[in-house]
Amino acid sequence: MDIEIISESEVVFTKRGRKANTDPKLVQAFKSMKKGQFAKLTSLKVDLKSETYATDKARVSAQIRSAMSEAGHKKCAIRWTPDGIPQAGPVA
């Protein structure tokens, strides 16, 4: 185990202890969207039969909200298809 003792001024950290990794393509797509438009995000589909379904859905929703925020939209709506595909769009 490697342990290095450093001074307080050398401590590096991110907000809330972790860094969000937002997909730049998702942010770019959301930038071009207007109210009333939704993006069907098939690549972020979650498995409805998985034991971790609720956690996966929350993780994907957080990714979408972060990307919407970075794209300049203050609020977004996320609607899920019956087979687990998120659809997201900006709201007023």
PDB file of N, CA and C in Angstrom:
ATOM      1  N   MET A   1       0.847  -1.171   0.000  1.00  0.00           N
ATOM      2  CA  MET A   1       0.000   0.000   0.000  1.00  0.00           C
ATOM      3  C   MET A   1       0.897   1.242   0.000  1.00  0.00           C
ATOM      4  N   ASP A   2       0.647   2.161  -0.955  1.00  0.00           N
ATOM      5  CA  ASP A   2       1.403   3.406  -1.020  1.00  0.00           C
ATOM      6  C   ASP A   2       0.655   4.508  -0.294  1.00  0.00           C
ATOM      7  N   ILE A   3       1.314   5.126   0.654  1.00  0.00           N
ATOM      8  CA  ILE A   3       0.723   6.235   1.402  1.00  0.00           C
ATOM      9  C   ILE A   3       1.702   7.390   1.368  1.00  0.00           C
ATOM     10  N   GLU A   4       1.185   8.554   1.014  1.00  0.00           N
ATOM     11  CA  GLU A   4       2.007   9.758   0.952  1.00  0.00           C
ATOM     12  C   GLU A   4       1.375  10.815   1.851  1.00  0.00           C
ATOM     13  N   ILE A   5       2.147  11.330   2.786  1.00  0.00           N
ATOM     14  CA  ILE A   5       1.668  12.382   3.679  1.00  0.00           C
ATOM     15  C   ILE A   5       1.915  13.725   2.988  1.00  0.00           C
ATOM     16  N   ILE A   6       0.842  14.519   2.835  1.00  0.00           N
ATOM     17  CA  ILE A   6       0.962  15.827   2.177  1.00  0.00           C
ATOM     18  C   ILE A   6       0.371  16.909   3.072  1.00  0.00           C
ATOM     19  N   SER A   7       0.688  18.151   2.761  1.00  0.00           N
ATOM     20  CA  SER A   7       0.143  19.258   3.551  1.00  0.00           C
ATOM     21  C   SER A   7      -1.280  19.565   3.090  1.00  0.00           C
ATOM     22  N   GLU A   8      -2.000  20.255   3.917  1.00  0.00           N
ATOM     23  CA  GLU A   8      -3.393  20.584   3.595  1.00  0.00           C
ATOM     24  C   GLU A   8      -3.508  21.389   2.305  1.00  0.00           C
ATOM     25  N   SER A   9      -2.535  22.230   2.018  1.00  0.00           N
ATOM     26  CA  SER A   9      -2.576  23.058   0.808  1.00  0.00           C
ATOM     27  C   SER A   9      -2.415  22.221  -0.471  1.00  0.00           C
ATOM     28  N   GLU A  10      -1.929  20.991  -0.349  1.00  0.00           N
ATOM     29  CA  GLU A  10      -1.741  20.125  -1.510  1.00  0.00           C
ATOM     30  C   GLU A  10      -2.929  19.208  -1.785  1.00  0.00           C
ATOM     31  N   VAL A  11      -3.934  19.250  -0.915  1.00  0.00           N
ATOM     32  CA  VAL A  11      -5.090  18.384  -1.061  1.00  0.00           C
ATOM     33  C   VAL A  11      -5.878  18.798  -2.297  1.00  0.00           C
ATOM     34  N   VAL A  12      -6.178  17.823  -3.145  1.00  0.00           N
ATOM     35  CA  VAL A  12      -6.962  18.039  -4.350  1.00  0.00           C
ATOM     36  C   VAL A  12      -8.269  17.274  -4.189  1.00  0.00           C
ATOM     37  N   PHE A  13      -9.391  17.938  -4.449  1.00  0.00           N
ATOM     38  CA  PHE A  13     -10.671  17.266  -4.301  1.00  0.00           C
ATOM     39  C   PHE A  13     -11.680  17.850  -5.277  1.00  0.00           C
ATOM     40  N   THR A  14     -12.762  17.128  -5.472  1.00  0.00           N
ATOM     41  CA  THR A  14     -13.844  17.581  -6.328  1.00  0.00           C
ATOM     42  C   THR A  14     -15.097  17.753  -5.488  1.00  0.00           C
ATOM     43  N   LYS A  15     -16.052  18.482  -6.020  1.00  0.00           N
ATOM     44  CA  LYS A  15     -17.300  18.731  -5.337  1.00  0.00           C
ATOM     45  C   LYS A  15     -17.960  17.404  -4.959  1.00  0.00           C
ATOM     46  N   ARG A  16     -18.398  17.283  -3.728  1.00  0.00           N
ATOM     47  CA  ARG A  16     -19.075  16.100  -3.190  1.00  0.00           C
ATOM     48  C   ARG A  16     -18.243  14.834  -3.295  1.00  0.00           C
ATOM     49  N   GLY A  17     -16.938  14.989  -3.418  1.00  0.00           N
ATOM     50  CA  GLY A  17     -16.070  13.830  -3.357  1.00  0.00           C
ATOM     51  C   GLY A  17     -15.932  13.028  -4.636  1.00  0.00           C
ATOM     52  N   ARG A  18     -16.645  13.410  -5.697  1.00  0.00           N
ATOM     53  CA  ARG A  18     -16.485  12.681  -6.943  1.00  0.00           C
ATOM     54  C   ARG A  18     -16.754  13.604  -8.117  1.00  0.00           C
ATOM     55  N   LYS A  19     -16.202  13.245  -9.237  1.00  0.00           N
ATOM     56  CA  LYS A  19     -16.341  14.066 -10.427  1.00  0.00           C
ATOM     57  C   LYS A  19     -17.320  13.410 -11.392  1.00  0.00           C
ATOM     58  N   ALA A  20     -18.255  14.209 -11.874  1.00  0.00           N
ATOM     59  CA  ALA A  20     -19.214  13.695 -12.847  1.00  0.00           C
ATOM     60  C   ALA A  20     -18.548  13.620 -14.216  1.00  0.00           C
ATOM     61  N   ASN A  21     -18.753  12.533 -14.889  1.00  0.00           N
ATOM     62  CA  ASN A  21     -18.216  12.356 -16.232  1.00  0.00           C
ATOM     63  C   ASN A  21     -19.378  12.433 -17.220  1.00  0.00           C
ATOM     64  N   THR A  22     -19.656  13.638 -17.678  1.00  0.00           N
ATOM     65  CA  THR A  22     -20.771  13.855 -18.593  1.00  0.00           C
ATOM     66  C   THR A  22     -20.295  13.642 -20.018  1.00  0.00           C
ATOM     67  N   ASP A  23     -21.084  12.912 -20.780  1.00  0.00           N
ATOM     68  CA  ASP A  23     -20.754  12.625 -22.169  1.00  0.00           C
ATOM     69  C   ASP A  23     -20.881  13.908 -22.999  1.00  0.00           C
ATOM     70  N   PRO A  24     -19.788  14.384 -23.608  1.00  0.00           N
ATOM     71  CA  PRO A  24     -19.836  15.617 -24.394  1.00  0.00           C
ATOM     72  C   PRO A  24     -20.824  15.555 -25.561  1.00  0.00           C
ATOM     73  N   LYS A  25     -21.020  14.367 -26.155  1.00  0.00           N
ATOM     74  CA  LYS A  25     -21.981  14.232 -27.258  1.00  0.00           C
ATOM     75  C   LYS A  25     -23.406  14.469 -26.767  1.00  0.00           C
ATOM     76  N   LEU A  26     -23.678  14.010 -25.559  1.00  0.00           N
ATOM     77  CA  LEU A  26     -25.001  14.195 -24.976  1.00  0.00           C
ATOM     78  C   LEU A  26     -25.251  15.674 -24.697  1.00  0.00           C
ATOM     79  N   VAL A  27     -24.253  16.339 -24.143  1.00  0.00           N
ATOM     80  CA  VAL A  27     -24.366  17.775 -23.862  1.00  0.00           C
ATOM     81  C   VAL A  27     -24.595  18.540 -25.163  1.00  0.00           C
ATOM     82  N   GLN A  28     -23.838  18.226 -26.193  1.00  0.00           N
ATOM     83  CA  GLN A  28     -23.965  18.911 -27.486  1.00  0.00           C
ATOM     84  C   GLN A  28     -25.353  18.699 -28.077  1.00  0.00           C
ATOM     85  N   ALA A  29     -25.866  17.497 -27.984  1.00  0.00           N
ATOM     86  CA  ALA A  29     -27.212  17.212 -28.507  1.00  0.00           C
ATOM     87  C   ALA A  29     -28.263  18.014 -27.745  1.00  0.00           C
ATOM     88  N   PHE A  30     -28.121  18.105 -26.430  1.00  0.00           N
ATOM     89  CA  PHE A  30     -29.087  18.839 -25.624  1.00  0.00           C
ATOM     90  C   PHE A  30     -29.030  20.347 -25.882  1.00  0.00           C
ATOM     91  N   LYS A  31     -27.869  20.857 -26.254  1.00  0.00           N
ATOM     92  CA  LYS A  31     -27.735  22.293 -26.532  1.00  0.00           C
ATOM     93  C   LYS A  31     -28.627  22.727 -27.684  1.00  0.00           C
ATOM     94  N   SER A  32     -28.824  21.850 -28.656  1.00  0.00           N
ATOM     95  CA  SER A  32     -29.607  22.205 -29.840  1.00  0.00           C
ATOM     96  C   SER A  32     -31.110  22.018 -29.628  1.00  0.00           C
ATOM     97  N   MET A  33     -31.509  21.474 -28.498  1.00  0.00           N
ATOM     98  CA  MET A  33     -32.919  21.186 -28.260  1.00  0.00           C
ATOM     99  C   MET A  33     -33.669  22.387 -27.717  1.00  0.00           C
ATOM    100  N   LYS A  34     -34.949  22.444 -28.076  1.00  0.00           N
ATOM    101  CA  LYS A  34     -35.841  23.495 -27.597  1.00  0.00           C
ATOM    102  C   LYS A  34     -36.965  22.844 -26.796  1.00  0.00           C
ATOM    103  N   LYS A  35     -37.672  23.673 -26.040  1.00  0.00           N
ATOM    104  CA  LYS A  35     -38.806  23.174 -25.273  1.00  0.00           C
ATOM    105  C   LYS A  35     -39.773  22.468 -26.223  1.00  0.00           C
ATOM    106  N   GLY A  36     -40.267  21.319 -25.821  1.00  0.00           N
ATOM    107  CA  GLY A  36     -41.182  20.549 -26.644  1.00  0.00           C
ATOM    108  C   GLY A  36     -40.502  19.445 -27.431  1.00  0.00           C
ATOM    109  N   GLN A  37     -39.178  19.435 -27.436  1.00  0.00           N
ATOM    110  CA  GLN A  37     -38.435  18.386 -28.123  1.00  0.00           C
ATOM    111  C   GLN A  37     -37.889  17.402 -27.090  1.00  0.00           C
ATOM    112  N   PHE A  38     -37.871  16.133 -27.466  1.00  0.00           N
ATOM    113  CA  PHE A  38     -37.321  15.100 -26.597  1.00  0.00           C
ATOM    114  C   PHE A  38     -36.299  14.290 -27.368  1.00  0.00           C
ATOM    115  N   ALA A  39     -35.304  13.794 -26.662  1.00  0.00           N
ATOM    116  CA  ALA A  39     -34.292  12.914 -27.247  1.00  0.00           C
ATOM    117  C   ALA A  39     -34.542  11.512 -26.708  1.00  0.00           C
ATOM    118  N   LYS A  40     -34.668  10.545 -27.595  1.00  0.00           N
ATOM    119  CA  LYS A  40     -34.803   9.146 -27.194  1.00  0.00           C
ATOM    120  C   LYS A  40     -33.398   8.572 -27.100  1.00  0.00           C
ATOM    121  N   LEU A  41     -32.997   8.220 -25.900  1.00  0.00           N
ATOM    122  CA  LEU A  41     -31.614   7.835 -25.613  1.00  0.00           C
ATOM    123  C   LEU A  41     -31.487   6.310 -25.507  1.00  0.00           C
ATOM    124  N   THR A  42     -31.534   5.652 -26.650  1.00  0.00           N
ATOM    125  CA  THR A  42     -31.529   4.190 -26.671  1.00  0.00           C
ATOM    126  C   THR A  42     -30.249   3.589 -26.097  1.00  0.00           C
ATOM    127  N   SER A  43     -29.144   4.302 -26.184  1.00  0.00           N
ATOM    128  CA  SER A  43     -27.882   3.770 -25.653  1.00  0.00           C
ATOM    129  C   SER A  43     -27.853   3.759 -24.121  1.00  0.00           C
ATOM    130  N   LEU A  44     -28.809   4.448 -23.485  1.00  0.00           N
ATOM    131  CA  LEU A  44     -28.865   4.487 -22.022  1.00  0.00           C
ATOM    132  C   LEU A  44     -29.981   3.600 -21.462  1.00  0.00           C
ATOM    133  N   LYS A  45     -30.433   2.657 -22.257  1.00  0.00           N
ATOM    134  CA  LYS A  45     -31.509   1.750 -21.848  1.00  0.00           C
ATOM    135  C   LYS A  45     -31.115   0.974 -20.596  1.00  0.00           C
ATOM    136  N   VAL A  46     -32.080   0.812 -19.692  1.00  0.00           N
ATOM    137  CA  VAL A  46     -31.852   0.019 -18.482  1.00  0.00           C
ATOM    138  C   VAL A  46     -32.691  -1.263 -18.555  1.00  0.00           C
ATOM    139  N   ASP A  47     -32.196  -2.310 -17.937  1.00  0.00           N
ATOM    140  CA  ASP A  47     -32.871  -3.608 -17.932  1.00  0.00           C
ATOM    141  C   ASP A  47     -33.918  -3.619 -16.824  1.00  0.00           C
ATOM    142  N   LEU A  48     -35.182  -3.705 -17.204  1.00  0.00           N
ATOM    143  CA  LEU A  48     -36.282  -3.676 -16.235  1.00  0.00           C
ATOM    144  C   LEU A  48     -36.297  -4.883 -15.303  1.00  0.00           C
ATOM    145  N   LYS A  49     -35.677  -5.967 -15.725  1.00  0.00           N
ATOM    146  CA  LYS A  49     -35.694  -7.198 -14.929  1.00  0.00           C
ATOM    147  C   LYS A  49     -34.458  -7.350 -14.044  1.00  0.00           C
ATOM    148  N   SER A  50     -33.562  -6.380 -14.132  1.00  0.00           N
ATOM    149  CA  SER A  50     -32.334  -6.434 -13.341  1.00  0.00           C
ATOM    150  C   SER A  50     -32.637  -6.161 -11.862  1.00  0.00           C
ATOM    151  N   GLU A  51     -31.860  -6.780 -10.998  1.00  0.00           N
ATOM    152  CA  GLU A  51     -32.005  -6.523  -9.561  1.00  0.00           C
ATOM    153  C   GLU A  51     -31.597  -5.097  -9.215  1.00  0.00           C
ATOM    154  N   THR A  52     -30.773  -4.492 -10.045  1.00  0.00           N
ATOM    155  CA  THR A  52     -30.299  -3.130  -9.798  1.00  0.00           C
ATOM    156  C   THR A  52     -31.052  -2.098 -10.636  1.00  0.00           C
ATOM    157  N   TYR A  53     -32.259  -2.442 -11.081  1.00  0.00           N
ATOM    158  CA  TYR A  53     -33.032  -1.563 -11.952  1.00  0.00           C
ATOM    159  C   TYR A  53     -33.198  -0.159 -11.363  1.00  0.00           C
ATOM    160  N   ALA A  54     -33.624  -0.062 -10.107  1.00  0.00           N
ATOM    161  CA  ALA A  54     -33.868   1.252  -9.499  1.00  0.00           C
ATOM    162  C   ALA A  54     -32.585   2.069  -9.434  1.00  0.00           C
ATOM    163  N   THR A  55     -31.491   1.443  -9.079  1.00  0.00           N
ATOM    164  CA  THR A  55     -30.201   2.131  -9.012  1.00  0.00           C
ATOM    165  C   THR A  55     -29.743   2.555 -10.401  1.00  0.00           C
ATOM    166  N   ASP A  56     -29.898   1.681 -11.373  1.00  0.00           N
ATOM    167  CA  ASP A  56     -29.504   2.003 -12.746  1.00  0.00           C
ATOM    168  C   ASP A  56     -30.327   3.166 -13.290  1.00  0.00           C
ATOM    169  N   LYS A  57     -31.618   3.152 -13.018  1.00  0.00           N
ATOM    170  CA  LYS A  57     -32.503   4.222 -13.482  1.00  0.00           C
ATOM    171  C   LYS A  57     -32.109   5.555 -12.839  1.00  0.00           C
ATOM    172  N   ALA A  58     -31.782   5.542 -11.561  1.00  0.00           N
ATOM    173  CA  ALA A  58     -31.356   6.758 -10.867  1.00  0.00           C
ATOM    174  C   ALA A  58     -30.029   7.266 -11.426  1.00  0.00           C
ATOM    175  N   ARG A  59     -29.106   6.355 -11.729  1.00  0.00           N
ATOM    176  CA  ARG A  59     -27.802   6.740 -12.278  1.00  0.00           C
ATOM    177  C   ARG A  59     -27.961   7.387 -13.648  1.00  0.00           C
ATOM    178  N   VAL A  60     -28.764   6.775 -14.499  1.00  0.00           N
ATOM    179  CA  VAL A  60     -28.990   7.311 -15.844  1.00  0.00           C
ATOM    180  C   VAL A  60     -29.700   8.663 -15.764  1.00  0.00           C
ATOM    181  N   SER A  61     -30.686   8.771 -14.885  1.00  0.00           N
ATOM    182  CA  SER A  61     -31.396  10.043 -14.715  1.00  0.00           C
ATOM    183  C   SER A  61     -30.442  11.151 -14.277  1.00  0.00           C
ATOM    184  N   ALA A  62     -29.527  10.828 -13.380  1.00  0.00           N
ATOM    185  CA  ALA A  62     -28.540  11.814 -12.916  1.00  0.00           C
ATOM    186  C   ALA A  62     -27.618  12.241 -14.062  1.00  0.00           C
ATOM    187  N   GLN A  63     -27.216  11.286 -14.900  1.00  0.00           N
ATOM    188  CA  GLN A  63     -26.378  11.615 -16.063  1.00  0.00           C
ATOM    189  C   GLN A  63     -27.113  12.564 -17.001  1.00  0.00           C
ATOM    190  N   ILE A  64     -28.374  12.296 -17.230  1.00  0.00           N
ATOM    191  CA  ILE A  64     -29.176  13.131 -18.128  1.00  0.00           C
ATOM    192  C   ILE A  64     -29.334  14.532 -17.546  1.00  0.00           C
ATOM    193  N   ARG A  65     -29.663  14.634 -16.263  1.00  0.00           N
ATOM    194  CA  ARG A  65     -29.826  15.950 -15.633  1.00  0.00           C
ATOM    195  C   ARG A  65     -28.529  16.747 -15.657  1.00  0.00           C
ATOM    196  N   SER A  66     -27.407  16.088 -15.425  1.00  0.00           N
ATOM    197  CA  SER A  66     -26.111  16.770 -15.477  1.00  0.00           C
ATOM    198  C   SER A  66     -25.822  17.295 -16.881  1.00  0.00           C
ATOM    199  N   ALA A  67     -26.091  16.488 -17.888  1.00  0.00           N
ATOM    200  CA  ALA A  67     -25.851  16.907 -19.270  1.00  0.00           C
ATOM    201  C   ALA A  67     -26.774  18.055 -19.658  1.00  0.00           C
ATOM    202  N   MET A  68     -28.030  17.992 -19.240  1.00  0.00           N
ATOM    203  CA  MET A  68     -28.974  19.082 -19.521  1.00  0.00           C
ATOM    204  C   MET A  68     -28.503  20.376 -18.876  1.00  0.00           C
ATOM    205  N   SER A  69     -28.035  20.268 -17.658  1.00  0.00           N
ATOM    206  CA  SER A  69     -27.538  21.448 -16.943  1.00  0.00           C
ATOM    207  C   SER A  69     -26.332  22.050 -17.658  1.00  0.00           C
ATOM    208  N   GLU A  70     -25.391  21.202 -18.065  1.00  0.00           N
ATOM    209  CA  GLU A  70     -24.216  21.686 -18.793  1.00  0.00           C
ATOM    210  C   GLU A  70     -24.592  22.284 -20.141  1.00  0.00           C
ATOM    211  N   ALA A  71     -25.703  21.829 -20.706  1.00  0.00           N
ATOM    212  CA  ALA A  71     -26.164  22.342 -22.002  1.00  0.00           C
ATOM    213  C   ALA A  71     -26.903  23.673 -21.851  1.00  0.00           C
ATOM    214  N   GLY A  72     -27.132  24.086 -20.608  1.00  0.00           N
ATOM    215  CA  GLY A  72     -27.769  25.385 -20.381  1.00  0.00           C
ATOM    216  C   GLY A  72     -29.254  25.326 -20.084  1.00  0.00           C
ATOM    217  N   HIS A  73     -29.799  24.139 -19.906  1.00  0.00           N
ATOM    218  CA  HIS A  73     -31.221  23.998 -19.580  1.00  0.00           C
ATOM    219  C   HIS A  73     -31.355  23.836 -18.075  1.00  0.00           C
ATOM    220  N   LYS A  74     -32.167  24.700 -17.451  1.00  0.00           N
ATOM    221  CA  LYS A  74     -32.303  24.659 -16.002  1.00  0.00           C
ATOM    222  C   LYS A  74     -33.108  23.459 -15.533  1.00  0.00           C
ATOM    223  N   LYS A  75     -34.126  23.082 -16.295  1.00  0.00           N
ATOM    224  CA  LYS A  75     -34.971  21.953 -15.922  1.00  0.00           C
ATOM    225  C   LYS A  75     -35.139  21.022 -17.107  1.00  0.00           C
ATOM    226  N   CYS A  76     -35.349  19.749 -16.796  1.00  0.00           N
ATOM    227  CA  CYS A  76     -35.607  18.784 -17.861  1.00  0.00           C
ATOM    228  C   CYS A  76     -36.639  17.784 -17.389  1.00  0.00           C
ATOM    229  N   ALA A  77     -37.301  17.183 -18.349  1.00  0.00           N
ATOM    230  CA  ALA A  77     -38.258  16.117 -18.070  1.00  0.00           C
ATOM    231  C   ALA A  77     -37.665  14.820 -18.608  1.00  0.00           C
ATOM    232  N   ILE A  78     -37.803  13.768 -17.826  1.00  0.00           N
ATOM    233  CA  ILE A  78     -37.332  12.450 -18.256  1.00  0.00           C
ATOM    234  C   ILE A  78     -38.522  11.507 -18.209  1.00  0.00           C
ATOM    235  N   ARG A  79     -38.829  10.922 -19.334  1.00  0.00           N
ATOM    236  CA  ARG A  79     -39.923   9.972 -19.452  1.00  0.00           C
ATOM    237  C   ARG A  79     -39.334   8.635 -19.896  1.00  0.00           C
ATOM    238  N   TRP A  80     -39.795   7.568 -19.310  1.00  0.00           N
ATOM    239  CA  TRP A  80     -39.261   6.236 -19.586  1.00  0.00           C
ATOM    240  C   TRP A  80     -40.251   5.423 -20.420  1.00  0.00           C
ATOM    241  N   THR A  81     -39.769   4.747 -21.451  1.00  0.00           N
ATOM    242  CA  THR A  81     -40.618   3.870 -22.244  1.00  0.00           C
ATOM    243  C   THR A  81     -40.877   2.597 -21.432  1.00  0.00           C
ATOM    244  N   PRO A  82     -41.895   1.837 -21.801  1.00  0.00           N
ATOM    245  CA  PRO A  82     -42.187   0.591 -21.090  1.00  0.00           C
ATOM    246  C   PRO A  82     -41.044  -0.426 -21.109  1.00  0.00           C
ATOM    247  N   ASP A  83     -40.137  -0.301 -22.071  1.00  0.00           N
ATOM    248  CA  ASP A  83     -39.013  -1.239 -22.115  1.00  0.00           C
ATOM    249  C   ASP A  83     -37.710  -0.659 -21.550  1.00  0.00           C
ATOM    250  N   GLY A  84     -37.768   0.500 -20.865  1.00  0.00           N
ATOM    251  CA  GLY A  84     -36.610   1.018 -20.139  1.00  0.00           C
ATOM    252  C   GLY A  84     -35.720   2.006 -20.870  1.00  0.00           C
ATOM    253  N   ILE A  85     -36.216   2.653 -21.911  1.00  0.00           N
ATOM    254  CA  ILE A  85     -35.418   3.644 -22.628  1.00  0.00           C
ATOM    255  C   ILE A  85     -35.801   5.043 -22.153  1.00  0.00           C
ATOM    256  N   PRO A  86     -34.814   5.839 -21.713  1.00  0.00           N
ATOM    257  CA  PRO A  86     -35.134   7.198 -21.273  1.00  0.00           C
ATOM    258  C   PRO A  86     -35.332   8.130 -22.471  1.00  0.00           C
ATOM    259  N   GLN A  87     -36.287   9.052 -22.291  1.00  0.00           N
ATOM    260  CA  GLN A  87     -36.541  10.098 -23.281  1.00  0.00           C
ATOM    261  C   GLN A  87     -36.501  11.406 -22.490  1.00  0.00           C
ATOM    262  N   ALA A  88     -35.631  12.330 -22.902  1.00  0.00           N
ATOM    263  CA  ALA A  88     -35.440  13.545 -22.118  1.00  0.00           C
ATOM    264  C   ALA A  88     -35.579  14.781 -22.970  1.00  0.00           C
ATOM    265  N   GLY A  89     -36.087  15.838 -22.344  1.00  0.00           N
ATOM    266  CA  GLY A  89     -36.235  17.099 -23.052  1.00  0.00           C
ATOM    267  C   GLY A  89     -36.267  18.255 -22.076  1.00  0.00           C
ATOM    268  N   PRO A  90     -35.892  19.443 -22.541  1.00  0.00           N
ATOM    269  CA  PRO A  90     -35.916  20.619 -21.680  1.00  0.00           C
ATOM    270  C   PRO A  90     -37.348  21.109 -21.430  1.00  0.00           C
ATOM    271  N   VAL A  91     -37.576  21.679 -20.273  1.00  0.00           N
ATOM    272  CA  VAL A  91     -38.853  22.302 -19.946  1.00  0.00           C
ATOM    273  C   VAL A  91     -38.602  23.731 -19.504  1.00  0.00           C
ATOM    274  N   ALA A  92     -39.629  24.541 -19.539  1.00  0.00           N
ATOM    275  CA  ALA A  92     -39.486  25.959 -19.181  1.00  0.00           C
ATOM    276  C   ALA A  92     -39.172  26.157 -17.728  1.00  0.00           C
TER     277      ALA A  92
END
